[in-house]
Amino acid sequence: MNISKIFRSTRSTKVLPGQSLSWNDYFMLRRRRRIAERVITIPTTLGGFGLSFAYVATREFDPTPIFGQEPIIIYGIGTLVCGLSGLLIGPILGSSLWKIFHREEVKLMEQRDREFYEHVKKNRADPSLHTLRNPAPDYYGEKIKSVADYRKWLKKQREIVKKGTFHIGEGSI
């Protein structure tokens, strides 16, 4: 996969100022935004680990305990925290870079995001119908990648409502 293709806007998704974004284009751009977030997460995580490890590796250890622990343990925990902070910063940085390279589509994407999440909120099954054995499938609609996936998601939500309302599948008393 060509990384520059993720950030670059393609001809099929170019939208003129007066146009709106089709649902298929929305899902394609949404997928690219998520890929960009994930791709950028890798170097930020490795960078966090690498920089903190480089700092720890060049530091002379004083044998006195820090917070009652050996210094190597504290430095190891610090290295892990730096790597995890890189893991958390990666999606934010990836999303920001994606927005810089897709300036034309950002407002349309935000509008479609609001519409999409309103559809999801309106059509998802009531959380009280879910159990630990039967959790809600994709409660926020994060796994929806196309219009066909959205239709499948709607079908699953209706099945949950039907089963939860009429208690289908439970044994008789």
Protein backbone atom coordinates (compact mmCIF):
# COMPACT_ATOMS: atom_id res chain seq x y z
CA MET A 1 0.00 0.00 0.00
CA ASN A 2 1.32 3.40 -0.96
CA ILE A 3 1.37 5.61 2.15
CA SER A 4 1.20 8.86 0.18
CA LYS A 5 -2.06 7.62 -1.35
CA ILE A 6 -3.66 7.63 2.11
CA PHE A 7 -3.08 11.32 2.64
CA ARG A 8 -3.53 12.47 -0.93
CA SER A 9 -6.97 13.28 -2.19
CA THR A 10 -7.99 11.17 -5.19
CA ARG A 11 -9.87 12.30 -8.25
CA SER A 12 -12.96 10.19 -7.48
CA THR A 13 -13.46 11.88 -4.12
CA LYS A 14 -12.98 15.47 -5.27
CA VAL A 15 -16.06 17.42 -4.34
CA LEU A 16 -17.05 20.76 -5.76
CA PRO A 17 -18.04 23.49 -3.27
CA GLY A 18 -21.80 23.21 -3.93
CA GLN A 19 -21.91 19.41 -3.89
CA SER A 20 -22.57 17.03 -1.07
CA LEU A 21 -20.62 13.89 -0.31
CA SER A 22 -22.22 10.60 -1.35
CA TRP A 23 -22.42 7.85 1.24
CA ASN A 24 -20.02 5.63 -0.71
CA ASP A 25 -17.46 8.45 -0.91
CA TYR A 26 -18.02 9.15 2.78
CA PHE A 27 -17.26 5.56 3.77
CA MET A 28 -14.20 5.48 1.49
CA LEU A 29 -12.83 8.72 3.00
CA ARG A 30 -13.66 7.48 6.50
CA ARG A 31 -11.68 4.31 5.83
CA ARG A 32 -8.70 6.31 4.55
CA ARG A 33 -8.82 8.56 7.60
CA ARG A 34 -8.71 5.53 9.90
CA ILE A 35 -5.83 4.00 7.95
CA ALA A 36 -3.93 7.29 8.22
CA GLU A 37 -4.51 7.32 11.98
CA ARG A 38 -3.24 3.76 12.32
CA VAL A 39 -0.23 4.27 10.05
CA ILE A 40 0.91 7.35 11.98
CA THR A 41 0.46 5.50 15.28
CA ILE A 42 3.33 3.14 14.44
CA PRO A 43 6.12 5.76 14.24
CA THR A 44 4.77 7.76 17.20
CA THR A 45 4.75 4.64 19.38
CA LEU A 46 8.19 3.55 18.24
CA GLY A 47 9.43 7.12 18.63
CA GLY A 48 8.14 7.30 22.20
CA PHE A 49 9.81 4.02 23.09
CA GLY A 50 13.00 4.87 21.19
CA LEU A 51 13.49 8.35 22.62
CA SER A 52 12.83 7.26 26.18
CA PHE A 53 15.05 4.20 25.76
CA ALA A 54 17.83 6.39 24.33
CA TYR A 55 17.51 8.66 27.36
CA VAL A 56 17.62 5.74 29.80
CA ALA A 57 20.53 4.10 27.95
CA THR A 58 22.71 7.21 28.18
CA ARG A 59 21.90 7.93 31.81
CA GLU A 60 24.17 6.89 34.65
CA PHE A 61 22.30 5.00 37.32
CA ASP A 62 22.45 6.12 40.90
CA PRO A 63 21.91 3.09 43.16
CA THR A 64 19.64 5.00 45.56
CA PRO A 65 16.01 3.88 45.34
CA ILE A 66 13.42 6.07 43.62
CA PHE A 67 10.01 5.89 45.33
CA GLY A 68 11.31 2.85 47.19
CA GLN A 69 12.07 0.95 43.95
CA GLU A 70 15.19 0.16 41.98
CA PRO A 71 15.98 2.89 39.41
CA ILE A 72 15.87 0.43 36.49
CA ILE A 73 12.24 -0.43 37.34
CA ILE A 74 11.23 3.23 37.44
CA TYR A 75 13.07 3.94 34.16
CA GLY A 76 11.42 0.89 32.58
CA ILE A 77 8.00 2.10 33.65
CA GLY A 78 8.84 5.55 32.27
CA THR A 79 9.85 4.00 28.95
CA LEU A 80 6.54 2.13 28.77
CA VAL A 81 4.60 5.30 29.60
CA CYS A 82 6.42 7.18 26.82
CA GLY A 83 5.58 4.41 24.33
CA LEU A 84 1.94 4.38 25.42
CA SER A 85 1.74 8.15 25.12
CA GLY A 86 3.04 7.79 21.55
CA LEU A 87 0.30 5.21 20.99
CA LEU A 88 -2.31 7.69 22.20
CA ILE A 89 -0.91 10.65 20.27
CA GLY A 90 -0.67 8.73 16.97
CA PRO A 91 -4.37 8.76 16.03
CA ILE A 92 -4.66 12.45 16.91
CA LEU A 93 -1.65 13.31 14.76
CA GLY A 94 -2.83 11.03 11.94
CA SER A 95 -6.27 12.60 11.91
CA SER A 96 -4.75 16.09 11.88
CA LEU A 97 -2.46 15.23 8.97
CA TRP A 98 -5.37 13.68 7.09
CA LYS A 99 -7.40 16.85 7.59
CA ILE A 100 -4.53 18.99 6.30
CA PHE A 101 -4.32 16.96 3.09
CA HIS A 102 -8.12 16.77 2.64
CA ARG A 103 -9.14 20.35 3.35
CA GLU A 104 -11.93 20.33 0.74
CA GLU A 105 -13.62 17.25 2.17
CA VAL A 106 -13.25 18.00 5.90
CA LYS A 107 -16.46 20.03 6.30
CA LEU A 108 -18.43 17.58 4.20
CA MET A 109 -16.99 14.69 6.21
CA GLU A 110 -17.92 16.37 9.49
CA GLN A 111 -21.45 16.95 8.20
CA ARG A 112 -21.75 13.31 7.07
CA ASP A 113 -20.26 12.15 10.39
CA ARG A 114 -23.01 13.99 12.27
CA GLU A 115 -25.67 12.55 9.96
CA PHE A 116 -24.21 9.05 10.23
CA TYR A 117 -24.05 9.10 14.03
CA GLU A 118 -27.60 10.46 14.19
CA HIS A 119 -28.70 7.49 12.05
CA VAL A 120 -26.78 5.14 14.34
CA LYS A 121 -28.26 6.68 17.51
CA LYS A 122 -31.76 6.54 16.08
CA ASN A 123 -31.57 2.94 14.83
CA ARG A 124 -29.46 1.11 17.39
CA ALA A 125 -31.08 -1.30 19.80
CA ASP A 126 -31.80 -0.30 23.37
CA PRO A 127 -28.80 -1.16 25.58
CA SER A 128 -31.10 -2.68 28.21
CA LEU A 129 -31.86 -5.49 25.73
CA HIS A 130 -28.22 -6.62 25.76
CA THR A 131 -26.76 -9.15 28.15
CA LEU A 132 -23.24 -10.27 28.97
CA ARG A 133 -23.80 -13.39 26.92
CA ASN A 134 -25.29 -11.42 24.04
CA PRO A 135 -23.49 -8.05 23.86
CA ALA A 136 -24.47 -5.29 21.47
CA PRO A 137 -22.91 -5.78 18.06
CA ASP A 138 -21.06 -2.62 17.09
CA TYR A 139 -23.02 -0.21 19.30
CA TYR A 140 -21.40 2.91 17.79
CA GLY A 141 -21.29 1.71 14.18
CA GLU A 142 -17.49 1.67 14.03
CA LYS A 143 -17.31 -1.46 11.88
CA ILE A 144 -19.62 -0.09 9.19
CA LYS A 145 -17.51 0.37 6.06
CA SER A 146 -20.13 0.63 3.32
CA VAL A 147 -23.81 1.11 2.67
CA ALA A 148 -24.20 -2.69 2.53
CA ASP A 149 -22.54 -2.99 5.95
CA TYR A 150 -24.92 -0.34 7.27
CA ARG A 151 -27.89 -2.38 6.04
CA LYS A 152 -26.50 -5.51 7.74
CA TRP A 153 -25.97 -3.50 10.92
CA LEU A 154 -29.59 -2.29 10.78
CA LYS A 155 -30.79 -5.86 10.32
CA LYS A 156 -28.81 -7.02 13.39
CA GLN A 157 -30.18 -4.16 15.47
CA ARG A 158 -33.75 -5.05 14.48
CA GLU A 159 -33.11 -8.69 15.38
CA ILE A 160 -31.90 -7.63 18.83
CA VAL A 161 -34.98 -5.50 19.38
CA LYS A 162 -37.23 -8.33 18.22
CA LYS A 163 -35.53 -10.91 20.46
CA GLY A 164 -35.37 -8.58 23.43
CA THR A 165 -38.98 -7.47 23.15
CA PHE A 166 -40.62 -10.83 22.52
CA HIS A 167 -38.09 -13.00 24.42
CA ILE A 168 -37.60 -15.32 21.45
CA GLY A 169 -35.24 -18.15 22.19
CA GLU A 170 -35.97 -18.39 25.92
CA GLY A 171 -37.27 -21.61 27.39
CA SER A 172 -40.93 -21.93 28.32
CA ILE A 173 -42.00 -21.68 31.92
